[in-house]
Amino acid sequence: MADRVPPRRRSPLPVRPRSLPERYSVRAQVLAALRDALASGELTAGETYSAPLLAERYGVSATPVREAMQRLASEGVVETVPNRGFRVTGRSQRDLAEVAEVRAALEVPALLALGRTLPPERWEELRPLADATVRIALLGDRAGYAEADRAFHRELLGLTGNRHLVAVAQEMHRKAQSPRVGGRPPGCVELVASARQHGFLLDALTRRDLPTVERLAHAHLTT
């Protein structure tokens, strides 16, 4: 078939998507699964994947796979390869540095503003989410950690009450989790180190130690 990847170009395909609520459309389920596969490194930068082969693995038709891939293409994560499928483009070091700069510009001022006003107990409400990121990181589950990491930051910024800020920050967060060109996915040690920074950040926010909050947040978002 014209859109099948030649055997020599095939890469291991991701596992079937995790079970999702029925309210999700098939396309949304496939998109979530593809994001997981990108975060875990199962879909690698530079490789080309055909929609029919991915559809076969996921047990769906090729249409929702193509639609999900077009969404990823609009985000710059993949690019269309005529008659072959979609190539994972990956992020360059410059791309990731620019994304990190935007994330810091969005999140650090928001955290500092919250840190001046919120009582300690509000930060402690987020402790279970921070602890969950550490547990998942210890398992080496890159896709699970990516999801848990986004959840922590979403709830953290959600305390501002600014839905638009949360939406833009989440979009930047997803970009930061895209595969790196010529790089390898983070290992267990790196995941755990990143996860533990969540707890340190909450500790500083609880103490209203704003200089430490600023330092930790910048380090967490830009490394």
Foldseek 3Di string as FASTA:
>chain_A
DQAAAPPVQDAQADAAFDDDDPVDDPLRRLLLRVLLCQLLCSQAAFGFHGLCVNCVRHVHHSVSVVVSVVVCVVLVQWDADPSHGIGGHADEPVRLQVLLVVLLVLPLVLLLVCLVDDALVVLVVLVVLLVVLLVVLQVFSRSVNLVSVLVSSLVSSVVVVDPVSSVVSSSSSSSNSGHHVVDDNDGSVVSNVLSVLSVVLSVCSNVSVSVVNSVSSSVSSRD
